[in-house]
Amino acid sequence: MSIAHRVVIAVFPDVDLLDVTGPAEVFALANRETAGRAGYRVRLAGPVAGEVRTSAGVRMLADVAFDEVGDDVDTLLVPGAVDMTDDGPVARIDPDVVAWVRETSAHARRVASVCVGAHVLAAAGLLGGKTATTHWSTAAQLAAEHPDVAVDPDPIFVRTDGGRLWTGAGISACLDLALALVAEDHGEQTALAVARQLVMYLKRQGGQSQFSVPLSRPAGRRDIDELRVWIADHLDADLSARALAERMCLSERHFARVFKQETGTSPATYVEAARVELARRLLETTDCPLDQVAAAAGLGSAETLHRAFRRQLATTPAAYRRRFRTPAA
């Protein structure tokens, strides 16, 4: 197998297990799906070579020590670790790991963090003046400790610095991030083949705060949950409160009261959020004009799309596309 992509994943005590094994599996499957042409070789680097205990209690072996890695690195992948406190999880910042990442990143073509690994990149001075994401539970910590970083807690991953820097959300989002790296290296078809092997979507719907809109707040009533799934599949249909109430065989007034009680929002606000979520995916992954995006998402016109983005995301569709459009688009 021709080695074109030397991937080094940092490992250290209490590292999140999936942050390491998830991307490694994606790269291995890319090699398998291309009969080795993808050219990924993954090595684990730790403070010392040998055994490392993960947060799950499972032990793994670092192939090399940090000081043995050298400058032959294509992709540097930095996972994270957290300490649990009474106030919730706090990202752990190990000065030795930070120093090594700072030094090694200078030699890497591409640097990516997984989950709270973004805190390490920030501490290493790599994210200043840039937009980054991390696990939603430590986003406030990242923003407070690094005010020069534009922290966005919603995206599954953020690509910046001309594609050299990537930050990913937590924890299973490591798979989404690794698939995006494969797509950048070898195209959407290869990434799609890997996604199929993993039995997952190539592009997950929505962001961390949505997860996705139909799942953002589970309802106690099964019929309301079933309605939300139906809404997600029929965003271009008539989704007015009247139409939805008729579908539920309820009066419009009673339906609106029950829906808000179960979901915490009105039917109109919920439908708009679901439509904006679809519009976001289209803006991230296609070059479709705004009027086509609006029509596909059930928002009707580019003007309506613009107003919905202002209400839901406090930005414009064009600004959102410039910031989050993926390379494959």
C-alpha atoms as a PDB file:
ATOM      1  CA  MET A   1       0.000   0.000   0.000  1.00  0.00           C
ATOM      2  CA  SER A   2       1.297   3.425  -0.949  1.00  0.00           C
ATOM      3  CA  ILE A   3       1.447   5.604   2.171  1.00  0.00           C
ATOM      4  CA  ALA A   4       0.242   9.075   1.237  1.00  0.00           C
ATOM      5  CA  HIS A   5      -1.469  10.038   4.477  1.00  0.00           C
ATOM      6  CA  ARG A   6       0.485   9.499   7.666  1.00  0.00           C
ATOM      7  CA  VAL A   7      -2.023  10.087  10.429  1.00  0.00           C
ATOM      8  CA  VAL A   8      -0.755  10.585  13.970  1.00  0.00           C
ATOM      9  CA  ILE A   9      -3.330  10.445  16.776  1.00  0.00           C
ATOM     10  CA  ALA A  10      -2.308  11.735  20.193  1.00  0.00           C
ATOM     11  CA  VAL A  11      -3.126   9.457  23.128  1.00  0.00           C
ATOM     12  CA  PHE A  12      -2.669  10.144  26.829  1.00  0.00           C
ATOM     13  CA  PRO A  13      -4.161   9.024  30.145  1.00  0.00           C
ATOM     14  CA  ASP A  14      -7.986   9.178  30.255  1.00  0.00           C
ATOM     15  CA  VAL A  15      -8.304  10.065  26.574  1.00  0.00           C
ATOM     16  CA  ASP A  16     -11.806   9.390  25.248  1.00  0.00           C
ATOM     17  CA  LEU A  17     -11.678   5.952  23.644  1.00  0.00           C
ATOM     18  CA  LEU A  18     -13.971   6.612  20.673  1.00  0.00           C
ATOM     19  CA  ASP A  19     -12.098   9.811  19.829  1.00  0.00           C
ATOM     20  CA  VAL A  20      -9.141   7.575  18.987  1.00  0.00           C
ATOM     21  CA  THR A  21     -10.686   4.396  17.622  1.00  0.00           C
ATOM     22  CA  GLY A  22     -13.457   6.089  15.618  1.00  0.00           C
ATOM     23  CA  PRO A  23     -11.228   8.016  13.192  1.00  0.00           C
ATOM     24  CA  ALA A  24      -8.787   5.100  13.025  1.00  0.00           C
ATOM     25  CA  GLU A  25     -11.637   2.831  11.894  1.00  0.00           C
ATOM     26  CA  VAL A  26     -12.756   5.338   9.253  1.00  0.00           C
ATOM     27  CA  PHE A  27      -9.268   5.539   7.782  1.00  0.00           C
ATOM     28  CA  ALA A  28      -8.890   1.744   7.857  1.00  0.00           C
ATOM     29  CA  LEU A  29     -12.188   1.311   6.020  1.00  0.00           C
ATOM     30  CA  ALA A  30     -11.108   3.902   3.448  1.00  0.00           C
ATOM     31  CA  ASN A  31      -8.035   1.770   2.780  1.00  0.00           C
ATOM     32  CA  ARG A  32     -10.196  -1.334   2.471  1.00  0.00           C
ATOM     33  CA  GLU A  33     -12.762   0.281   0.198  1.00  0.00           C
ATOM     34  CA  THR A  34     -10.040   1.503  -2.168  1.00  0.00           C
ATOM     35  CA  ALA A  35      -7.907  -1.651  -2.062  1.00  0.00           C
ATOM     36  CA  GLY A  36      -5.217   0.317  -0.280  1.00  0.00           C
ATOM     37  CA  ARG A  37      -5.165   3.297  -2.643  1.00  0.00           C
ATOM     38  CA  ALA A  38      -6.422   5.673   0.044  1.00  0.00           C
ATOM     39  CA  GLY A  39      -2.995   5.335   1.613  1.00  0.00           C
ATOM     40  CA  TYR A  40      -3.769   5.985   5.272  1.00  0.00           C
ATOM     41  CA  ARG A  41      -1.326   4.810   7.912  1.00  0.00           C
ATOM     42  CA  VAL A  42      -2.374   5.505  11.474  1.00  0.00           C
ATOM     43  CA  ARG A  43       0.035   5.676  14.402  1.00  0.00           C
ATOM     44  CA  LEU A  44      -0.752   6.424  18.014  1.00  0.00           C
ATOM     45  CA  ALA A  45       1.680   8.727  19.806  1.00  0.00           C
ATOM     46  CA  GLY A  46       1.764   9.135  23.573  1.00  0.00           C
ATOM     47  CA  PRO A  47       3.939  10.718  26.243  1.00  0.00           C
ATOM     48  CA  VAL A  48       5.787   7.386  26.211  1.00  0.00           C
ATOM     49  CA  ALA A  49       5.427   4.379  23.947  1.00  0.00           C
ATOM     50  CA  GLY A  50       3.320   1.568  25.340  1.00  0.00           C
ATOM     51  CA  GLU A  51       0.196   1.207  27.410  1.00  0.00           C
ATOM     52  CA  VAL A  52      -2.298   4.057  27.838  1.00  0.00           C
ATOM     53  CA  ARG A  53      -5.454   3.747  29.907  1.00  0.00           C
ATOM     54  CA  THR A  54      -8.485   5.457  28.322  1.00  0.00           C
ATOM     55  CA  SER A  55     -11.470   7.053  30.036  1.00  0.00           C
ATOM     56  CA  ALA A  56     -13.435   3.866  29.342  1.00  0.00           C
ATOM     57  CA  GLY A  57     -10.914   1.794  31.267  1.00  0.00           C
ATOM     58  CA  VAL A  58      -9.813   0.073  28.071  1.00  0.00           C
ATOM     59  CA  ARG A  59      -6.069   0.075  27.539  1.00  0.00           C
ATOM     60  CA  MET A  60      -4.409   0.811  24.216  1.00  0.00           C
ATOM     61  CA  LEU A  61      -0.808   0.913  23.098  1.00  0.00           C
ATOM     62  CA  ALA A  62       0.949   4.018  21.857  1.00  0.00           C
ATOM     63  CA  ASP A  63       3.127   3.047  18.882  1.00  0.00           C
ATOM     64  CA  VAL A  64       5.662   5.773  19.568  1.00  0.00           C
ATOM     65  CA  ALA A  65       6.513   8.383  22.154  1.00  0.00           C
ATOM     66  CA  PHE A  66       5.869  12.030  21.363  1.00  0.00           C
ATOM     67  CA  ASP A  67       9.571  12.742  20.942  1.00  0.00           C
ATOM     68  CA  GLU A  68       9.866   9.927  18.370  1.00  0.00           C
ATOM     69  CA  VAL A  69       7.238  11.203  15.930  1.00  0.00           C
ATOM     70  CA  GLY A  70       9.428  13.622  14.018  1.00  0.00           C
ATOM     71  CA  ASP A  71       8.173  15.910  11.291  1.00  0.00           C
ATOM     72  CA  ASP A  72       6.782  13.314   8.859  1.00  0.00           C
ATOM     73  CA  VAL A  73       3.108  13.963   9.662  1.00  0.00           C
ATOM     74  CA  ASP A  74       0.328  14.443   7.146  1.00  0.00           C
ATOM     75  CA  THR A  75      -2.634  14.673   9.538  1.00  0.00           C
ATOM     76  CA  LEU A  76      -2.316  15.333  13.263  1.00  0.00           C
ATOM     77  CA  LEU A  77      -5.439  14.300  15.168  1.00  0.00           C
ATOM     78  CA  VAL A  78      -5.885  15.549  18.734  1.00  0.00           C
ATOM     79  CA  PRO A  79      -8.608  13.973  20.905  1.00  0.00           C
ATOM     80  CA  GLY A  80      -9.456  15.125  24.389  1.00  0.00           C
ATOM     81  CA  ALA A  81     -10.040  14.168  28.000  1.00  0.00           C
ATOM     82  CA  VAL A  82     -12.280  15.633  30.675  1.00  0.00           C
ATOM     83  CA  ASP A  83     -12.326  15.808  34.451  1.00  0.00           C
ATOM     84  CA  MET A  84     -15.738  15.495  36.066  1.00  0.00           C
ATOM     85  CA  THR A  85     -16.553  18.166  38.647  1.00  0.00           C
ATOM     86  CA  ASP A  86     -19.653  19.152  40.590  1.00  0.00           C
ATOM     87  CA  ASP A  87     -20.310  21.717  37.884  1.00  0.00           C
ATOM     88  CA  GLY A  88     -19.981  19.205  35.066  1.00  0.00           C
ATOM     89  CA  PRO A  89     -17.169  18.148  32.725  1.00  0.00           C
ATOM     90  CA  VAL A  90     -14.060  20.303  32.433  1.00  0.00           C
ATOM     91  CA  ALA A  91     -11.640  19.815  29.569  1.00  0.00           C
ATOM     92  CA  ARG A  92      -8.245  18.644  30.743  1.00  0.00           C
ATOM     93  CA  ILE A  93      -5.250  20.612  29.504  1.00  0.00           C
ATOM     94  CA  ASP A  94      -1.948  18.750  29.886  1.00  0.00           C
ATOM     95  CA  PRO A  95       0.976  21.165  29.340  1.00  0.00           C
ATOM     96  CA  ASP A  96       3.181  18.415  27.909  1.00  0.00           C
ATOM     97  CA  VAL A  97       0.524  17.443  25.352  1.00  0.00           C
ATOM     98  CA  VAL A  98      -0.030  21.098  24.480  1.00  0.00           C
ATOM     99  CA  ALA A  99       3.692  21.692  23.946  1.00  0.00           C
ATOM    100  CA  TRP A 100       4.016  18.643  21.715  1.00  0.00           C
ATOM    101  CA  VAL A 101       0.945  19.600  19.653  1.00  0.00           C
ATOM    102  CA  ARG A 102       2.299  23.119  19.214  1.00  0.00           C
ATOM    103  CA  GLU A 103       5.628  21.776  17.945  1.00  0.00           C
ATOM    104  CA  THR A 104       4.258  18.962  15.791  1.00  0.00           C
ATOM    105  CA  SER A 105       1.498  21.033  14.202  1.00  0.00           C
ATOM    106  CA  ALA A 106       4.155  23.147  12.507  1.00  0.00           C
ATOM    107  CA  HIS A 107       5.155  20.105  10.449  1.00  0.00           C
ATOM    108  CA  ALA A 108       1.669  18.728   9.723  1.00  0.00           C
ATOM    109  CA  ARG A 109      -0.259  19.422   6.538  1.00  0.00           C
ATOM    110  CA  ARG A 110      -3.514  19.254   8.463  1.00  0.00           C
ATOM    111  CA  VAL A 111      -4.445  19.433  12.146  1.00  0.00           C
ATOM    112  CA  ALA A 112      -7.792  18.285  13.532  1.00  0.00           C
ATOM    113  CA  SER A 113      -9.230  18.089  17.023  1.00  0.00           C
ATOM    114  CA  VAL A 114     -11.930  15.726  18.181  1.00  0.00           C
ATOM    115  CA  CYS A 115     -14.376  16.684  20.909  1.00  0.00           C
ATOM    116  CA  VAL A 116     -12.632  18.559  23.741  1.00  0.00           C
ATOM    117  CA  GLY A 117      -9.326  18.227  21.912  1.00  0.00           C
ATOM    118  CA  ALA A 118     -10.152  21.730  20.654  1.00  0.00           C
ATOM    119  CA  HIS A 119      -9.076  23.015  24.074  1.00  0.00           C
ATOM    120  CA  VAL A 120      -5.610  21.597  23.436  1.00  0.00           C
ATOM    121  CA  LEU A 121      -5.401  23.280  20.029  1.00  0.00           C
ATOM    122  CA  ALA A 122      -6.498  26.558  21.575  1.00  0.00           C
ATOM    123  CA  ALA A 123      -3.951  26.264  24.386  1.00  0.00           C
ATOM    124  CA  ALA A 124      -1.303  25.575  21.739  1.00  0.00           C
ATOM    125  CA  GLY A 125      -2.186  28.881  20.061  1.00  0.00           C
ATOM    126  CA  LEU A 126      -3.621  27.341  16.901  1.00  0.00           C
ATOM    127  CA  LEU A 127      -7.160  28.711  17.058  1.00  0.00           C
ATOM    128  CA  GLY A 128      -6.625  32.403  17.768  1.00  0.00           C
ATOM    129  CA  GLY A 129      -8.806  34.549  15.513  1.00  0.00           C
ATOM    130  CA  LYS A 130     -10.541  31.481  14.084  1.00  0.00           C
ATOM    131  CA  THR A 131     -13.913  29.817  14.441  1.00  0.00           C
ATOM    132  CA  ALA A 132     -13.927  26.483  16.266  1.00  0.00           C
ATOM    133  CA  THR A 133     -16.306  24.004  17.800  1.00  0.00           C
ATOM    134  CA  THR A 134     -16.034  21.483  20.600  1.00  0.00           C
ATOM    135  CA  HIS A 135     -18.352  19.319  22.663  1.00  0.00           C
ATOM    136  CA  TRP A 136     -21.347  21.418  23.684  1.00  0.00           C
ATOM    137  CA  SER A 137     -20.711  20.732  27.385  1.00  0.00           C
ATOM    138  CA  THR A 138     -17.333  22.526  27.381  1.00  0.00           C
ATOM    139  CA  ALA A 139     -18.015  25.206  24.779  1.00  0.00           C
ATOM    140  CA  ALA A 140     -18.519  27.859  27.454  1.00  0.00           C
ATOM    141  CA  GLN A 141     -15.184  26.904  29.040  1.00  0.00           C
ATOM    142  CA  LEU A 142     -13.414  27.202  25.693  1.00  0.00           C
ATOM    143  CA  ALA A 143     -14.949  30.611  25.028  1.00  0.00           C
ATOM    144  CA  ALA A 144     -14.116  31.895  28.516  1.00  0.00           C
ATOM    145  CA  GLU A 145     -10.514  30.691  28.495  1.00  0.00           C
ATOM    146  CA  HIS A 146      -9.822  31.750  24.907  1.00  0.00           C
ATOM    147  CA  PRO A 147     -11.781  34.918  24.065  1.00  0.00           C
ATOM    148  CA  ASP A 148      -9.789  35.241  20.838  1.00  0.00           C
ATOM    149  CA  VAL A 149     -11.479  32.071  19.513  1.00  0.00           C
ATOM    150  CA  ALA A 150     -14.933  32.368  17.935  1.00  0.00           C
ATOM    151  CA  VAL A 151     -16.551  29.349  19.593  1.00  0.00           C
ATOM    152  CA  ASP A 152     -19.614  27.953  17.830  1.00  0.00           C
ATOM    153  CA  PRO A 153     -21.077  25.092  19.898  1.00  0.00           C
ATOM    154  CA  ASP A 154     -23.506  23.936  17.213  1.00  0.00           C
ATOM    155  CA  PRO A 155     -21.663  22.526  14.155  1.00  0.00           C
ATOM    156  CA  ILE A 156     -20.640  18.878  13.965  1.00  0.00           C
ATOM    157  CA  PHE A 157     -17.273  20.119  12.700  1.00  0.00           C
ATOM    158  CA  VAL A 158     -15.690  23.364  11.518  1.00  0.00           C
ATOM    159  CA  ARG A 159     -13.096  23.635   8.759  1.00  0.00           C
ATOM    160  CA  THR A 160     -10.954  26.772   8.784  1.00  0.00           C
ATOM    161  CA  ASP A 161      -7.563  28.208   7.827  1.00  0.00           C
ATOM    162  CA  GLY A 162      -7.973  27.120   4.222  1.00  0.00           C
ATOM    163  CA  GLY A 163      -8.690  23.548   5.266  1.00  0.00           C
ATOM    164  CA  ARG A 164      -5.589  23.155   7.411  1.00  0.00           C
ATOM    165  CA  LEU A 165      -7.427  23.299  10.742  1.00  0.00           C
ATOM    166  CA  TRP A 166     -10.480  21.274  11.681  1.00  0.00           C
ATOM    167  CA  THR A 167     -12.338  21.096  14.984  1.00  0.00           C
ATOM    168  CA  GLY A 168     -14.991  18.495  15.683  1.00  0.00           C
ATOM    169  CA  ALA A 169     -17.833  18.178  18.126  1.00  0.00           C
ATOM    170  CA  GLY A 170     -18.190  15.345  20.600  1.00  0.00           C
ATOM    171  CA  ILE A 171     -17.979  12.331  20.854  1.00  0.00           C
ATOM    172  CA  SER A 172     -19.376  10.243  17.998  1.00  0.00           C
ATOM    173  CA  ALA A 173     -18.851  13.307  15.778  1.00  0.00           C
ATOM    174  CA  CYS A 174     -15.288  12.011  15.399  1.00  0.00           C
ATOM    175  CA  LEU A 175     -16.758   9.740  12.713  1.00  0.00           C
ATOM    176  CA  ASP A 176     -18.334  12.677  10.866  1.00  0.00           C
ATOM    177  CA  LEU A 177     -15.077  14.586  11.009  1.00  0.00           C
ATOM    178  CA  ALA A 178     -13.006  11.646   9.771  1.00  0.00           C
ATOM    179  CA  LEU A 179     -15.468  11.035   6.920  1.00  0.00           C
ATOM    180  CA  ALA A 180     -15.112  14.691   5.910  1.00  0.00           C
ATOM    181  CA  LEU A 181     -11.326  14.302   5.875  1.00  0.00           C
ATOM    182  CA  VAL A 182     -11.654  11.232   3.646  1.00  0.00           C
ATOM    183  CA  ALA A 183     -14.021  13.152   1.362  1.00  0.00           C
ATOM    184  CA  GLU A 184     -11.491  15.964   1.096  1.00  0.00           C
ATOM    185  CA  ASP A 185      -8.675  13.525   0.298  1.00  0.00           C
ATOM    186  CA  HIS A 186     -10.465  11.064  -1.990  1.00  0.00           C
ATOM    187  CA  GLY A 187     -13.882  12.427  -2.895  1.00  0.00           C
ATOM    188  CA  GLU A 188     -17.462  11.936  -1.804  1.00  0.00           C
ATOM    189  CA  GLN A 189     -17.850   8.477  -3.335  1.00  0.00           C
ATOM    190  CA  THR A 190     -15.071   6.994  -1.235  1.00  0.00           C
ATOM    191  CA  ALA A 191     -16.398   8.671   1.895  1.00  0.00           C
ATOM    192  CA  LEU A 192     -19.904   7.432   1.079  1.00  0.00           C
ATOM    193  CA  ALA A 193     -18.629   3.873   0.710  1.00  0.00           C
ATOM    194  CA  VAL A 194     -17.026   4.120   4.151  1.00  0.00           C
ATOM    195  CA  ALA A 195     -20.190   5.628   5.635  1.00  0.00           C
ATOM    196  CA  ARG A 196     -22.199   2.711   4.285  1.00  0.00           C
ATOM    197  CA  GLN A 197     -19.834   0.264   5.930  1.00  0.00           C
ATOM    198  CA  LEU A 198     -20.291   2.142   9.201  1.00  0.00           C
ATOM    199  CA  VAL A 199     -24.077   2.175   8.680  1.00  0.00           C
ATOM    200  CA  MET A 200     -24.237   5.925   9.155  1.00  0.00           C
ATOM    201  CA  TYR A 201     -25.049   9.038   7.157  1.00  0.00           C
ATOM    202  CA  LEU A 202     -22.222  10.635   5.219  1.00  0.00           C
ATOM    203  CA  LYS A 203     -23.500  14.011   6.443  1.00  0.00           C
ATOM    204  CA  ARG A 204     -25.356  14.070   9.727  1.00  0.00           C
ATOM    205  CA  GLN A 205     -28.438  16.253   9.833  1.00  0.00           C
ATOM    206  CA  GLY A 206     -28.173  19.423  11.860  1.00  0.00           C
ATOM    207  CA  GLY A 207     -25.762  20.401  14.561  1.00  0.00           C
ATOM    208  CA  GLN A 208     -25.177  19.609  18.212  1.00  0.00           C
ATOM    209  CA  SER A 209     -27.954  21.858  19.472  1.00  0.00           C
ATOM    210  CA  GLN A 210     -30.476  20.387  17.035  1.00  0.00           C
ATOM    211  CA  PHE A 211     -29.485  16.741  17.005  1.00  0.00           C
ATOM    212  CA  SER A 212     -31.563  16.989  14.949  1.00  0.00           C
ATOM    213  CA  VAL A 213     -34.657  19.217  15.318  1.00  0.00           C
ATOM    214  CA  PRO A 214     -37.015  16.182  15.604  1.00  0.00           C
ATOM    215  CA  LEU A 215     -34.914  14.879  18.510  1.00  0.00           C
ATOM    216  CA  SER A 216     -34.112  18.156  20.241  1.00  0.00           C
ATOM    217  CA  ARG A 217     -36.675  17.530  22.994  1.00  0.00           C
ATOM    218  CA  PRO A 218     -38.331  14.096  23.098  1.00  0.00           C
ATOM    219  CA  ALA A 219     -42.075  14.320  23.601  1.00  0.00           C
ATOM    220  CA  GLY A 220     -44.011  12.324  26.155  1.00  0.00           C
ATOM    221  CA  ARG A 221     -46.750  11.619  23.628  1.00  0.00           C
ATOM    222  CA  ARG A 222     -45.891   9.111  20.941  1.00  0.00           C
ATOM    223  CA  ASP A 223     -48.281  10.707  18.454  1.00  0.00           C
ATOM    224  CA  ILE A 224     -46.412  14.022  18.731  1.00  0.00           C
ATOM    225  CA  ASP A 225     -43.075  12.280  18.189  1.00  0.00           C
ATOM    226  CA  GLU A 226     -44.503  10.499  15.144  1.00  0.00           C
ATOM    227  CA  LEU A 227     -45.797  13.828  13.835  1.00  0.00           C
ATOM    228  CA  ARG A 228     -42.342  15.397  14.162  1.00  0.00           C
ATOM    229  CA  VAL A 229     -40.804  12.571  12.157  1.00  0.00           C
ATOM    230  CA  TRP A 230     -43.511  13.088   9.510  1.00  0.00           C
ATOM    231  CA  ILE A 231     -42.782  16.827   9.443  1.00  0.00           C
ATOM    232  CA  ALA A 232     -39.075  16.154   8.827  1.00  0.00           C
ATOM    233  CA  ASP A 233     -39.981  13.997   5.813  1.00  0.00           C
ATOM    234  CA  HIS A 234     -42.499  16.488   4.359  1.00  0.00           C
ATOM    235  CA  LEU A 235     -40.934  19.917   4.794  1.00  0.00           C
ATOM    236  CA  ASP A 236     -42.268  21.084   1.426  1.00  0.00           C
ATOM    237  CA  ALA A 237     -45.866  20.260   2.387  1.00  0.00           C
ATOM    238  CA  ASP A 238     -48.507  22.474   4.007  1.00  0.00           C
ATOM    239  CA  LEU A 239     -47.309  22.467   7.616  1.00  0.00           C
ATOM    240  CA  SER A 240     -49.552  25.162   8.966  1.00  0.00           C
ATOM    241  CA  ALA A 241     -51.022  24.638  12.423  1.00  0.00           C
ATOM    242  CA  ARG A 242     -54.390  24.070  10.795  1.00  0.00           C
ATOM    243  CA  ALA A 243     -53.062  21.348   8.479  1.00  0.00           C
ATOM    244  CA  LEU A 244     -51.137  19.641  11.266  1.00  0.00           C
ATOM    245  CA  ALA A 245     -54.135  19.795  13.594  1.00  0.00           C
ATOM    246  CA  GLU A 246     -56.270  18.129  10.941  1.00  0.00           C
ATOM    247  CA  ARG A 247     -53.663  15.399  10.571  1.00  0.00           C
ATOM    248  CA  MET A 248     -53.823  14.819  14.343  1.00  0.00           C
ATOM    249  CA  CYS A 249     -57.653  14.953  14.323  1.00  0.00           C
ATOM    250  CA  LEU A 250     -57.588  17.761  16.887  1.00  0.00           C
ATOM    251  CA  SER A 251     -58.918  21.280  16.912  1.00  0.00           C
ATOM    252  CA  GLU A 252     -56.301  23.832  15.929  1.00  0.00           C
ATOM    253  CA  ARG A 253     -56.379  25.460  19.353  1.00  0.00           C
ATOM    254  CA  HIS A 254     -56.079  22.184  21.264  1.00  0.00           C
ATOM    255  CA  PHE A 255     -53.323  20.944  18.933  1.00  0.00           C
ATOM    256  CA  ALA A 256     -51.273  24.108  19.400  1.00  0.00           C
ATOM    257  CA  ARG A 257     -51.586  23.818  23.190  1.00  0.00           C
ATOM    258  CA  VAL A 258     -50.608  20.129  23.232  1.00  0.00           C
ATOM    259  CA  PHE A 259     -47.712  20.623  20.783  1.00  0.00           C
ATOM    260  CA  LYS A 260     -46.197  23.447  22.811  1.00  0.00           C
ATOM    261  CA  GLN A 261     -46.624  21.489  26.032  1.00  0.00           C
ATOM    262  CA  GLU A 262     -44.786  18.502  24.547  1.00  0.00           C
ATOM    263  CA  THR A 263     -42.059  20.288  22.576  1.00  0.00           C
ATOM    264  CA  GLY A 264     -41.636  23.608  24.343  1.00  0.00           C
ATOM    265  CA  THR A 265     -42.328  25.591  21.183  1.00  0.00           C
ATOM    266  CA  SER A 266     -45.190  26.527  18.906  1.00  0.00           C
ATOM    267  CA  PRO A 267     -45.922  24.507  15.743  1.00  0.00           C
ATOM    268  CA  ALA A 268     -44.897  27.439  13.538  1.00  0.00           C
ATOM    269  CA  THR A 269     -41.569  27.972  15.295  1.00  0.00           C
ATOM    270  CA  TYR A 270     -40.822  24.262  15.247  1.00  0.00           C
ATOM    271  CA  VAL A 271     -41.584  23.920  11.540  1.00  0.00           C
ATOM    272  CA  GLU A 272     -39.421  26.928  10.709  1.00  0.00           C
ATOM    273  CA  ALA A 273     -36.502  25.459  12.704  1.00  0.00           C
ATOM    274  CA  ALA A 274     -36.834  22.139  10.858  1.00  0.00           C
ATOM    275  CA  ARG A 275     -36.915  23.911   7.502  1.00  0.00           C
ATOM    276  CA  VAL A 276     -33.889  26.026   8.402  1.00  0.00           C
ATOM    277  CA  GLU A 277     -32.045  22.841   9.358  1.00  0.00           C
ATOM    278  CA  LEU A 278     -32.628  21.406   5.882  1.00  0.00           C
ATOM    279  CA  ALA A 279     -31.628  24.713   4.300  1.00  0.00           C
ATOM    280  CA  ARG A 280     -28.402  24.644   6.309  1.00  0.00           C
ATOM    281  CA  ARG A 281     -27.508  21.216   4.950  1.00  0.00           C
ATOM    282  CA  LEU A 282     -28.169  22.378   1.400  1.00  0.00           C
ATOM    283  CA  LEU A 283     -26.051  25.486   1.891  1.00  0.00           C
ATOM    284  CA  GLU A 284     -23.237  23.375   3.361  1.00  0.00           C
ATOM    285  CA  THR A 285     -23.208  20.745   0.621  1.00  0.00           C
ATOM    286  CA  THR A 286     -24.527  22.271  -2.635  1.00  0.00           C
ATOM    287  CA  ASP A 287     -24.128  25.306  -4.854  1.00  0.00           C
ATOM    288  CA  CYS A 288     -27.888  25.649  -5.353  1.00  0.00           C
ATOM    289  CA  PRO A 289     -29.098  29.266  -5.626  1.00  0.00           C
ATOM    290  CA  LEU A 290     -30.882  30.609  -2.570  1.00  0.00           C
ATOM    291  CA  ASP A 291     -34.312  30.487  -4.200  1.00  0.00           C
ATOM    292  CA  GLN A 292     -33.859  26.766  -4.924  1.00  0.00           C
ATOM    293  CA  VAL A 293     -32.678  26.155  -1.349  1.00  0.00           C
ATOM    294  CA  ALA A 294     -35.713  28.008  -0.042  1.00  0.00           C
ATOM    295  CA  ALA A 295     -38.081  25.999  -2.235  1.00  0.00           C
ATOM    296  CA  ALA A 296     -36.528  22.650  -1.322  1.00  0.00           C
ATOM    297  CA  ALA A 297     -36.727  23.473   2.388  1.00  0.00           C
ATOM    298  CA  GLY A 298     -40.343  24.548   2.148  1.00  0.00           C
ATOM    299  CA  LEU A 299     -39.568  28.196   2.867  1.00  0.00           C
ATOM    300  CA  GLY A 300     -40.917  29.434  -0.443  1.00  0.00           C
ATOM    301  CA  SER A 301     -38.651  32.312  -1.407  1.00  0.00           C
ATOM    302  CA  ALA A 302     -35.139  33.594  -0.819  1.00  0.00           C
ATOM    303  CA  GLU A 303     -36.645  36.492   1.139  1.00  0.00           C
ATOM    304  CA  THR A 304     -38.435  34.089   3.497  1.00  0.00           C
ATOM    305  CA  LEU A 305     -35.245  32.038   3.802  1.00  0.00           C
ATOM    306  CA  HIS A 306     -33.330  35.186   4.753  1.00  0.00           C
ATOM    307  CA  ARG A 307     -35.848  36.152   7.437  1.00  0.00           C
ATOM    308  CA  ALA A 308     -35.891  32.621   8.885  1.00  0.00           C
ATOM    309  CA  PHE A 309     -32.086  32.536   9.108  1.00  0.00           C
ATOM    310  CA  ARG A 310     -32.099  35.878  10.877  1.00  0.00           C
ATOM    311  CA  ARG A 311     -34.605  34.626  13.423  1.00  0.00           C
ATOM    312  CA  GLN A 312     -33.101  31.175  13.952  1.00  0.00           C
ATOM    313  CA  LEU A 313     -29.363  31.757  13.540  1.00  0.00           C
ATOM    314  CA  ALA A 314     -28.822  35.523  13.643  1.00  0.00           C
ATOM    315  CA  THR A 315     -27.002  35.399  10.310  1.00  0.00           C
ATOM    316  CA  THR A 316     -27.772  35.389   6.591  1.00  0.00           C
ATOM    317  CA  PRO A 317     -27.875  32.363   4.265  1.00  0.00           C
ATOM    318  CA  ALA A 318     -24.979  33.756   2.224  1.00  0.00           C
ATOM    319  CA  ALA A 319     -22.825  34.306   5.306  1.00  0.00           C
ATOM    320  CA  TYR A 320     -23.657  30.840   6.575  1.00  0.00           C
ATOM    321  CA  ARG A 321     -22.652  29.261   3.247  1.00  0.00           C
ATOM    322  CA  ARG A 322     -19.323  31.091   3.172  1.00  0.00           C
ATOM    323  CA  ARG A 323     -18.540  29.875   6.687  1.00  0.00           C
ATOM    324  CA  PHE A 324     -19.686  26.272   6.594  1.00  0.00           C
ATOM    325  CA  ARG A 325     -19.694  25.137   2.978  1.00  0.00           C
ATOM    326  CA  THR A 326     -17.855  21.808   2.813  1.00  0.00           C
ATOM    327  CA  PRO A 327     -15.000  21.232   0.335  1.00  0.00           C
ATOM    328  CA  ALA A 328     -16.915  18.568  -1.615  1.00  0.00           C
ATOM    329  CA  ALA A 329     -19.651  21.065  -2.426  1.00  0.00           C
END
